[in-house]
Amino acid sequence: MNTIHLMVGIQGSGKTTFSKKLSEELGIKIISTDEVRKQNPNIKEEMVWPLAYDMCANEIKNNKDVIFDATSITPKVRKRLYDNIKERTNNFQIGCYFFKVDVKVCKSRVAKRNNIEGEINLPLEVVEKFNNSLVFPTYDEPIVFIKVINELGNIVDETTKL
């Protein structure tokens, strides 16, 4: 069974940096909603997610694991990912990487990123809003493992569904 390695965290928490390291370590592709937007500058926002789901499902259909790099901060969003991939393919499981990083650190990182040419400018209030909505994943959701990542990008806790 193939695994979708799902990043869960607010903007600036280190999801993309961790995803790149995990991708190198496991030799698998990263599907990122931010990259979908960058590679398709004229895409309508409502088409970003279906395209990302298609790309993710194609990796599963090709018998490959994949990393899904998006905020995925609520059970509703994570269930939508599961349901949309399930509509396109099966024989997959989802494991979550939860980024437990102080919102002040995340806002500082986003502020620095906002000054980089070519990066999407994100208001810091959005980071705060996402932080207020962030929900830790549980095994009531369709996931098989949870790994907690700290602000240094290290796994500090790990559990597996029994």
N, C-alpha and C. Protein backbone atom coordinates (compact mmCIF):
# COMPACT_ATOMS: atom_id res chain seq x y z
N MET A 1 0.85 -1.18 0.00
CA MET A 1 0.00 0.00 0.00
C MET A 1 0.89 1.24 0.00
N ASN A 2 0.51 2.21 -0.80
CA ASN A 2 1.30 3.44 -0.89
C ASN A 2 0.85 4.45 0.15
N THR A 3 1.78 5.32 0.52
CA THR A 3 1.54 6.29 1.58
C THR A 3 1.57 7.71 1.05
N ILE A 4 0.57 8.49 1.46
CA ILE A 4 0.60 9.93 1.27
C ILE A 4 1.16 10.51 2.56
N HIS A 5 2.30 11.14 2.47
CA HIS A 5 2.94 11.79 3.62
C HIS A 5 2.39 13.22 3.66
N LEU A 6 1.45 13.46 4.57
CA LEU A 6 0.71 14.72 4.61
C LEU A 6 1.31 15.69 5.62
N MET A 7 1.73 16.84 5.15
CA MET A 7 2.24 17.89 6.03
C MET A 7 1.06 18.64 6.63
N VAL A 8 1.12 18.91 7.94
CA VAL A 8 0.04 19.60 8.64
C VAL A 8 0.66 20.72 9.48
N GLY A 9 0.37 21.96 9.11
CA GLY A 9 0.91 23.08 9.88
C GLY A 9 0.62 24.40 9.21
N ILE A 10 0.79 25.46 9.98
CA ILE A 10 0.51 26.79 9.44
C ILE A 10 1.67 27.25 8.55
N GLN A 11 1.44 28.35 7.87
CA GLN A 11 2.46 28.93 7.01
C GLN A 11 3.68 29.29 7.85
N GLY A 12 4.87 28.99 7.31
CA GLY A 12 6.10 29.33 8.01
C GLY A 12 6.53 28.33 9.07
N SER A 13 5.82 27.21 9.16
CA SER A 13 6.16 26.22 10.20
C SER A 13 7.28 25.27 9.78
N GLY A 14 7.64 25.29 8.49
CA GLY A 14 8.74 24.44 8.03
C GLY A 14 8.31 23.25 7.19
N LYS A 15 7.06 23.24 6.75
CA LYS A 15 6.55 22.10 5.98
C LYS A 15 7.33 21.87 4.69
N THR A 16 7.56 22.92 3.94
CA THR A 16 8.23 22.77 2.65
C THR A 16 9.68 22.36 2.82
N THR A 17 10.37 22.95 3.77
CA THR A 17 11.77 22.59 4.04
C THR A 17 11.85 21.12 4.45
N PHE A 18 10.97 20.69 5.35
CA PHE A 18 10.95 19.30 5.79
C PHE A 18 10.59 18.38 4.62
N SER A 19 9.61 18.80 3.81
CA SER A 19 9.18 18.00 2.65
C SER A 19 10.34 17.73 1.71
N LYS A 20 11.16 18.75 1.46
CA LYS A 20 12.31 18.58 0.56
C LYS A 20 13.29 17.55 1.11
N LYS A 21 13.56 17.61 2.42
CA LYS A 21 14.46 16.62 3.04
C LYS A 21 13.86 15.22 2.97
N LEU A 22 12.57 15.11 3.27
CA LEU A 22 11.89 13.82 3.24
C LEU A 22 11.86 13.26 1.82
N SER A 23 11.65 14.13 0.85
CA SER A 23 11.64 13.73 -0.56
C SER A 23 12.99 13.14 -0.97
N GLU A 24 14.06 13.80 -0.57
CA GLU A 24 15.40 13.27 -0.88
C GLU A 24 15.64 11.95 -0.18
N GLU A 25 15.25 11.88 1.08
CA GLU A 25 15.47 10.67 1.88
C GLU A 25 14.70 9.47 1.32
N LEU A 26 13.45 9.69 0.92
CA LEU A 26 12.60 8.60 0.45
C LEU A 26 12.59 8.44 -1.06
N GLY A 27 13.10 9.43 -1.78
CA GLY A 27 13.11 9.37 -3.23
C GLY A 27 11.72 9.47 -3.84
N ILE A 28 10.89 10.33 -3.26
CA ILE A 28 9.52 10.47 -3.75
C ILE A 28 9.21 11.93 -4.06
N LYS A 29 8.14 12.11 -4.83
CA LYS A 29 7.74 13.42 -5.33
C LYS A 29 6.96 14.21 -4.27
N ILE A 30 7.07 15.53 -4.36
CA ILE A 30 6.30 16.44 -3.52
C ILE A 30 5.20 17.07 -4.38
N ILE A 31 3.97 17.00 -3.89
CA ILE A 31 2.86 17.74 -4.49
C ILE A 31 2.57 18.89 -3.55
N SER A 32 2.69 20.11 -4.05
CA SER A 32 2.52 21.30 -3.22
C SER A 32 1.52 22.24 -3.87
N THR A 33 0.53 22.67 -3.10
CA THR A 33 -0.44 23.62 -3.65
C THR A 33 0.23 24.94 -4.00
N ASP A 34 1.25 25.33 -3.25
CA ASP A 34 2.00 26.56 -3.59
C ASP A 34 2.69 26.41 -4.94
N GLU A 35 3.28 25.24 -5.19
CA GLU A 35 3.96 25.00 -6.47
C GLU A 35 2.96 24.95 -7.62
N VAL A 36 1.78 24.37 -7.37
CA VAL A 36 0.74 24.36 -8.40
C VAL A 36 0.40 25.79 -8.81
N ARG A 37 0.28 26.67 -7.81
CA ARG A 37 -0.01 28.08 -8.10
C ARG A 37 1.13 28.74 -8.87
N LYS A 38 2.38 28.48 -8.46
CA LYS A 38 3.54 29.09 -9.12
C LYS A 38 3.68 28.60 -10.56
N GLN A 39 3.46 27.31 -10.78
CA GLN A 39 3.64 26.74 -12.12
C GLN A 39 2.48 27.07 -13.06
N ASN A 40 1.35 27.48 -12.48
CA ASN A 40 0.17 27.82 -13.26
C ASN A 40 -0.33 29.20 -12.82
N PRO A 41 0.40 30.26 -13.16
CA PRO A 41 0.08 31.59 -12.62
C PRO A 41 -1.32 32.10 -12.95
N ASN A 42 -1.93 31.60 -14.01
CA ASN A 42 -3.27 32.06 -14.39
C ASN A 42 -4.38 31.14 -13.90
N ILE A 43 -4.02 30.14 -13.10
CA ILE A 43 -5.02 29.17 -12.65
C ILE A 43 -5.98 29.83 -11.66
N LYS A 44 -7.25 29.48 -11.78
CA LYS A 44 -8.24 29.97 -10.83
C LYS A 44 -8.06 29.18 -9.54
N GLU A 45 -8.22 29.87 -8.41
CA GLU A 45 -7.97 29.24 -7.10
C GLU A 45 -8.77 27.96 -6.91
N GLU A 46 -10.00 27.93 -7.41
CA GLU A 46 -10.83 26.74 -7.22
C GLU A 46 -10.32 25.53 -8.01
N MET A 47 -9.36 25.75 -8.91
CA MET A 47 -8.78 24.64 -9.68
C MET A 47 -7.47 24.13 -9.09
N VAL A 48 -6.90 24.86 -8.14
CA VAL A 48 -5.62 24.45 -7.54
C VAL A 48 -5.75 23.09 -6.86
N TRP A 49 -6.76 22.95 -6.01
CA TRP A 49 -6.90 21.71 -5.24
C TRP A 49 -7.21 20.50 -6.12
N PRO A 50 -8.18 20.57 -7.05
CA PRO A 50 -8.41 19.40 -7.91
C PRO A 50 -7.16 18.98 -8.70
N LEU A 51 -6.39 19.96 -9.16
CA LEU A 51 -5.15 19.62 -9.88
C LEU A 51 -4.16 18.94 -8.94
N ALA A 52 -4.02 19.45 -7.73
CA ALA A 52 -3.12 18.83 -6.75
C ALA A 52 -3.59 17.42 -6.40
N TYR A 53 -4.90 17.22 -6.25
CA TYR A 53 -5.43 15.88 -5.97
C TYR A 53 -5.13 14.93 -7.13
N ASP A 54 -5.31 15.41 -8.37
CA ASP A 54 -5.01 14.59 -9.54
C ASP A 54 -3.54 14.17 -9.55
N MET A 55 -2.66 15.12 -9.28
CA MET A 55 -1.22 14.83 -9.29
C MET A 55 -0.88 13.80 -8.21
N CYS A 56 -1.48 13.95 -7.05
CA CYS A 56 -1.24 13.03 -5.94
C CYS A 56 -1.76 11.63 -6.30
N ALA A 57 -2.97 11.56 -6.81
CA ALA A 57 -3.56 10.27 -7.20
C ALA A 57 -2.74 9.59 -8.28
N ASN A 58 -2.19 10.36 -9.21
CA ASN A 58 -1.36 9.76 -10.27
C ASN A 58 -0.13 9.07 -9.70
N GLU A 59 0.48 9.66 -8.67
CA GLU A 59 1.62 9.01 -8.02
C GLU A 59 1.20 7.68 -7.40
N ILE A 60 0.05 7.68 -6.72
CA ILE A 60 -0.47 6.46 -6.10
C ILE A 60 -0.76 5.41 -7.18
N LYS A 61 -1.40 5.83 -8.26
CA LYS A 61 -1.71 4.91 -9.37
C LYS A 61 -0.45 4.30 -9.96
N ASN A 62 0.65 5.04 -9.91
CA ASN A 62 1.94 4.55 -10.41
C ASN A 62 2.71 3.80 -9.33
N ASN A 63 1.99 3.42 -8.27
CA ASN A 63 2.56 2.61 -7.18
C ASN A 63 3.70 3.31 -6.46
N LYS A 64 3.53 4.61 -6.25
CA LYS A 64 4.56 5.40 -5.57
C LYS A 64 3.97 6.10 -4.36
N ASP A 65 4.79 6.26 -3.34
CA ASP A 65 4.44 7.13 -2.21
C ASP A 65 4.58 8.57 -2.69
N VAL A 66 3.98 9.49 -1.95
CA VAL A 66 4.02 10.90 -2.34
C VAL A 66 3.93 11.77 -1.10
N ILE A 67 4.49 12.96 -1.18
CA ILE A 67 4.39 13.96 -0.11
C ILE A 67 3.39 15.01 -0.56
N PHE A 68 2.42 15.33 0.31
CA PHE A 68 1.44 16.37 0.01
C PHE A 68 1.72 17.54 0.94
N ASP A 69 2.21 18.63 0.35
CA ASP A 69 2.65 19.80 1.11
C ASP A 69 1.62 20.92 0.99
N ALA A 70 0.76 21.02 2.01
CA ALA A 70 -0.23 22.08 2.12
C ALA A 70 -0.50 22.26 3.61
N THR A 71 -1.25 23.28 3.98
CA THR A 71 -1.45 23.51 5.42
C THR A 71 -2.25 22.39 6.08
N SER A 72 -3.34 21.95 5.48
CA SER A 72 -4.13 20.80 5.97
C SER A 72 -4.41 20.89 7.47
N ILE A 73 -4.86 22.07 7.93
CA ILE A 73 -4.89 22.35 9.37
C ILE A 73 -6.11 21.82 10.12
N THR A 74 -7.15 21.37 9.41
CA THR A 74 -8.34 20.89 10.12
C THR A 74 -8.71 19.48 9.67
N PRO A 75 -9.44 18.74 10.51
CA PRO A 75 -9.90 17.42 10.10
C PRO A 75 -10.74 17.47 8.82
N LYS A 76 -11.53 18.53 8.66
CA LYS A 76 -12.36 18.67 7.46
C LYS A 76 -11.50 18.74 6.19
N VAL A 77 -10.44 19.51 6.23
CA VAL A 77 -9.54 19.63 5.07
C VAL A 77 -8.83 18.30 4.81
N ARG A 78 -8.39 17.65 5.87
CA ARG A 78 -7.70 16.36 5.71
C ARG A 78 -8.65 15.30 5.17
N LYS A 79 -9.91 15.32 5.62
CA LYS A 79 -10.90 14.36 5.11
C LYS A 79 -11.20 14.64 3.65
N ARG A 80 -11.24 15.91 3.27
CA ARG A 80 -11.48 16.26 1.87
C ARG A 80 -10.36 15.71 0.99
N LEU A 81 -9.12 15.79 1.46
CA LEU A 81 -8.00 15.19 0.72
C LEU A 81 -8.24 13.69 0.56
N TYR A 82 -8.52 13.01 1.66
CA TYR A 82 -8.75 11.57 1.63
C TYR A 82 -9.87 11.22 0.65
N ASP A 83 -11.01 11.89 0.77
CA ASP A 83 -12.16 11.60 -0.08
C ASP A 83 -11.86 11.85 -1.55
N ASN A 84 -11.17 12.94 -1.85
CA ASN A 84 -10.85 13.26 -3.24
C ASN A 84 -9.86 12.28 -3.85
N ILE A 85 -8.88 11.84 -3.07
CA ILE A 85 -7.94 10.84 -3.59
C ILE A 85 -8.66 9.51 -3.76
N LYS A 86 -9.52 9.17 -2.80
CA LYS A 86 -10.28 7.91 -2.85
C LYS A 86 -11.16 7.85 -4.09
N GLU A 87 -11.69 9.00 -4.53
CA GLU A 87 -12.49 9.05 -5.76
C GLU A 87 -11.65 8.74 -6.99
N ARG A 88 -10.35 9.01 -6.92
CA ARG A 88 -9.47 8.87 -8.07
C ARG A 88 -8.70 7.56 -8.09
N THR A 89 -8.47 6.98 -6.91
CA THR A 89 -7.69 5.75 -6.80
C THR A 89 -7.92 5.14 -5.42
N ASN A 90 -7.33 3.98 -5.19
CA ASN A 90 -7.40 3.38 -3.85
C ASN A 90 -6.05 2.76 -3.52
N ASN A 91 -6.01 1.92 -2.52
CA ASN A 91 -4.77 1.28 -2.10
C ASN A 91 -3.73 2.30 -1.62
N PHE A 92 -4.19 3.22 -0.76
CA PHE A 92 -3.27 4.20 -0.18
C PHE A 92 -3.63 4.41 1.28
N GLN A 93 -2.69 4.95 2.00
CA GLN A 93 -2.90 5.34 3.39
C GLN A 93 -2.29 6.72 3.57
N ILE A 94 -2.70 7.40 4.63
CA ILE A 94 -2.19 8.74 4.90
C ILE A 94 -1.48 8.75 6.25
N GLY A 95 -0.28 9.32 6.26
CA GLY A 95 0.45 9.57 7.49
C GLY A 95 0.65 11.06 7.64
N CYS A 96 0.48 11.58 8.86
CA CYS A 96 0.56 13.02 9.10
C CYS A 96 1.86 13.42 9.79
N TYR A 97 2.39 14.54 9.34
CA TYR A 97 3.54 15.20 9.97
C TYR A 97 3.01 16.52 10.50
N PHE A 98 2.87 16.62 11.82
CA PHE A 98 2.29 17.81 12.44
C PHE A 98 3.41 18.74 12.90
N PHE A 99 3.39 19.97 12.41
CA PHE A 99 4.44 20.95 12.71
C PHE A 99 4.02 21.79 13.91
N LYS A 100 4.66 21.49 15.05
CA LYS A 100 4.37 22.18 16.31
C LYS A 100 5.41 23.29 16.48
N VAL A 101 5.07 24.46 15.94
CA VAL A 101 6.00 25.60 15.92
C VAL A 101 5.25 26.83 16.42
N ASP A 102 5.88 27.59 17.30
CA ASP A 102 5.27 28.79 17.86
C ASP A 102 4.88 29.75 16.74
N VAL A 103 3.69 30.33 16.85
CA VAL A 103 3.17 31.23 15.82
C VAL A 103 4.10 32.42 15.60
N LYS A 104 4.79 32.88 16.64
CA LYS A 104 5.72 34.01 16.48
C LYS A 104 6.86 33.64 15.54
N VAL A 105 7.36 32.43 15.66
CA VAL A 105 8.43 31.94 14.77
C VAL A 105 7.90 31.88 13.34
N CYS A 106 6.69 31.36 13.18
CA CYS A 106 6.09 31.24 11.84
C CYS A 106 5.89 32.61 11.20
N LYS A 107 5.40 33.57 11.97
CA LYS A 107 5.18 34.92 11.44
C LYS A 107 6.50 35.56 11.04
N SER A 108 7.53 35.34 11.81
CA SER A 108 8.85 35.88 11.48
C SER A 108 9.36 35.29 10.17
N ARG A 109 9.19 33.99 10.00
CA ARG A 109 9.62 33.33 8.76
C ARG A 109 8.83 33.85 7.56
N VAL A 110 7.52 34.01 7.73
CA VAL A 110 6.68 34.50 6.64
C VAL A 110 7.05 35.94 6.29
N ALA A 111 7.33 36.76 7.30
CA ALA A 111 7.73 38.16 7.05
C ALA A 111 9.01 38.19 6.21
N LYS A 112 9.97 37.34 6.53
CA LYS A 112 11.22 37.26 5.74
C LYS A 112 10.92 36.80 4.32
N ARG A 113 10.06 35.79 4.19
CA ARG A 113 9.71 35.26 2.87
C ARG A 113 8.99 36.31 2.03
N ASN A 114 8.18 37.14 2.68
CA ASN A 114 7.44 38.18 1.96
C ASN A 114 8.37 39.18 1.27
N ASN A 115 9.61 39.28 1.74
CA ASN A 115 10.59 40.20 1.14
C ASN A 115 11.38 39.58 -0.01
N ILE A 116 11.13 38.31 -0.30
CA ILE A 116 11.85 37.62 -1.38
C ILE A 116 11.05 37.78 -2.68
N GLU A 117 11.73 38.27 -3.70
CA GLU A 117 11.08 38.47 -4.99
C GLU A 117 10.61 37.13 -5.55
N GLY A 118 9.40 37.12 -6.07
CA GLY A 118 8.84 35.92 -6.66
C GLY A 118 8.04 35.07 -5.68
N GLU A 119 8.14 35.37 -4.41
CA GLU A 119 7.37 34.62 -3.41
C GLU A 119 5.97 35.24 -3.29
N ILE A 120 5.02 34.40 -2.93
CA ILE A 120 3.65 34.87 -2.71
C ILE A 120 3.63 35.67 -1.41
N ASN A 121 3.15 36.91 -1.48
CA ASN A 121 3.09 37.75 -0.28
C ASN A 121 1.88 37.35 0.56
N LEU A 122 2.14 37.02 1.81
CA LEU A 122 1.09 36.55 2.70
C LEU A 122 0.96 37.48 3.91
N PRO A 123 -0.21 38.10 4.09
CA PRO A 123 -0.39 38.96 5.27
C PRO A 123 -0.22 38.14 6.56
N LEU A 124 0.45 38.73 7.55
CA LEU A 124 0.72 38.02 8.79
C LEU A 124 -0.56 37.69 9.57
N GLU A 125 -1.63 38.45 9.33
CA GLU A 125 -2.90 38.15 9.99
C GLU A 125 -3.42 36.78 9.54
N VAL A 126 -3.10 36.41 8.31
CA VAL A 126 -3.53 35.11 7.80
C VAL A 126 -2.86 33.98 8.58
N VAL A 127 -1.59 34.16 8.90
CA VAL A 127 -0.85 33.17 9.69
C VAL A 127 -1.52 33.01 11.05
N GLU A 128 -1.86 34.13 11.67
CA GLU A 128 -2.54 34.11 12.98
C GLU A 128 -3.89 33.41 12.87
N LYS A 129 -4.62 33.70 11.82
CA LYS A 129 -5.94 33.08 11.61
C LYS A 129 -5.81 31.57 11.45
N PHE A 130 -4.85 31.13 10.66
CA PHE A 130 -4.63 29.70 10.48
C PHE A 130 -4.21 29.05 11.80
N ASN A 131 -3.37 29.73 12.55
CA ASN A 131 -2.93 29.19 13.85
C ASN A 131 -4.12 28.98 14.78
N ASN A 132 -5.06 29.91 14.75
CA ASN A 132 -6.25 29.80 15.61
C ASN A 132 -7.17 28.66 15.18
N SER A 133 -7.03 28.20 13.93
CA SER A 133 -7.87 27.12 13.41
C SER A 133 -7.15 25.77 13.39
N LEU A 134 -5.87 25.75 13.72
CA LEU A 134 -5.06 24.54 13.65
C LEU A 134 -5.56 23.47 14.63
N VAL A 135 -5.82 22.27 14.10
CA VAL A 135 -6.31 21.15 14.92
C VAL A 135 -5.35 19.97 14.76
N PHE A 136 -4.87 19.47 15.90
CA PHE A 136 -3.97 18.32 15.90
C PHE A 136 -4.71 17.10 15.32
N PRO A 137 -4.07 16.34 14.43
CA PRO A 137 -4.72 15.16 13.87
C PRO A 137 -4.93 14.07 14.93
N THR A 138 -5.98 13.27 14.74
CA THR A 138 -6.25 12.15 15.64
C THR A 138 -6.52 10.90 14.80
N TYR A 139 -6.55 9.77 15.48
CA TYR A 139 -6.82 8.52 14.77
C TYR A 139 -8.30 8.30 14.49
N ASP A 140 -9.14 9.27 14.83
CA ASP A 140 -10.53 9.25 14.36
C ASP A 140 -10.57 9.62 12.88
N GLU A 141 -9.49 10.21 12.40
CA GLU A 141 -9.36 10.57 10.99
C GLU A 141 -8.75 9.37 10.24
N PRO A 142 -8.86 9.36 8.90
CA PRO A 142 -8.31 8.23 8.14
C PRO A 142 -6.79 8.34 7.96
N ILE A 143 -6.06 8.25 9.07
CA ILE A 143 -4.59 8.33 9.03
C ILE A 143 -3.99 7.16 9.81
N VAL A 144 -2.76 6.80 9.45
CA VAL A 144 -2.13 5.62 10.07
C VAL A 144 -0.96 5.96 10.99
N PHE A 145 -0.39 7.15 10.84
CA PHE A 145 0.64 7.57 11.79
C PHE A 145 0.64 9.08 11.93
N ILE A 146 1.18 9.52 13.07
CA ILE A 146 1.34 10.95 13.34
C ILE A 146 2.76 11.16 13.83
N LYS A 147 3.48 12.06 13.18
CA LYS A 147 4.82 12.45 13.62
C LYS A 147 4.78 13.94 13.92
N VAL A 148 5.31 14.32 15.07
CA VAL A 148 5.33 15.73 15.47
C VAL A 148 6.71 16.29 15.17
N ILE A 149 6.73 17.43 14.46
CA ILE A 149 7.97 18.08 14.03
C ILE A 149 8.11 19.40 14.78
N ASN A 150 9.31 19.67 15.31
CA ASN A 150 9.53 20.93 16.02
C ASN A 150 10.07 22.01 15.07
N GLU A 151 10.35 23.20 15.62
CA GLU A 151 10.76 24.33 14.77
C GLU A 151 12.13 24.12 14.13
N LEU A 152 12.91 23.16 14.63
CA LEU A 152 14.20 22.84 14.02
C LEU A 152 14.07 21.80 12.92
N GLY A 153 12.85 21.31 12.69
CA GLY A 153 12.62 20.32 11.66
C GLY A 153 12.92 18.90 12.10
N ASN A 154 12.93 18.68 13.41
CA ASN A 154 13.21 17.35 13.95
C ASN A 154 11.92 16.66 14.40
N ILE A 155 11.85 15.35 14.20
CA ILE A 155 10.73 14.57 14.70
C ILE A 155 10.92 14.42 16.21
N VAL A 156 9.95 14.90 16.99
CA VAL A 156 10.06 14.86 18.45
C VAL A 156 9.06 13.90 19.10
N ASP A 157 8.11 13.42 18.32
CA ASP A 157 7.15 12.44 18.83
C ASP A 157 6.59 11.67 17.63
N GLU A 158 6.23 10.42 17.88
CA GLU A 158 5.78 9.58 16.79
C GLU A 158 4.84 8.51 17.34
N THR A 159 3.66 8.38 16.73
CA THR A 159 2.74 7.32 17.11
C THR A 159 2.20 6.65 15.84
N THR A 160 1.76 5.42 16.00
CA THR A 160 1.19 4.66 14.89
C THR A 160 -0.16 4.13 15.33
N LYS A 161 -1.13 4.15 14.41
CA LYS A 161 -2.46 3.63 14.72
C LYS A 161 -2.35 2.13 14.92
N LEU A 162 -2.96 1.65 15.97
CA LEU A 162 -2.93 0.21 16.27
C LEU A 162 -3.90 -0.55 15.41
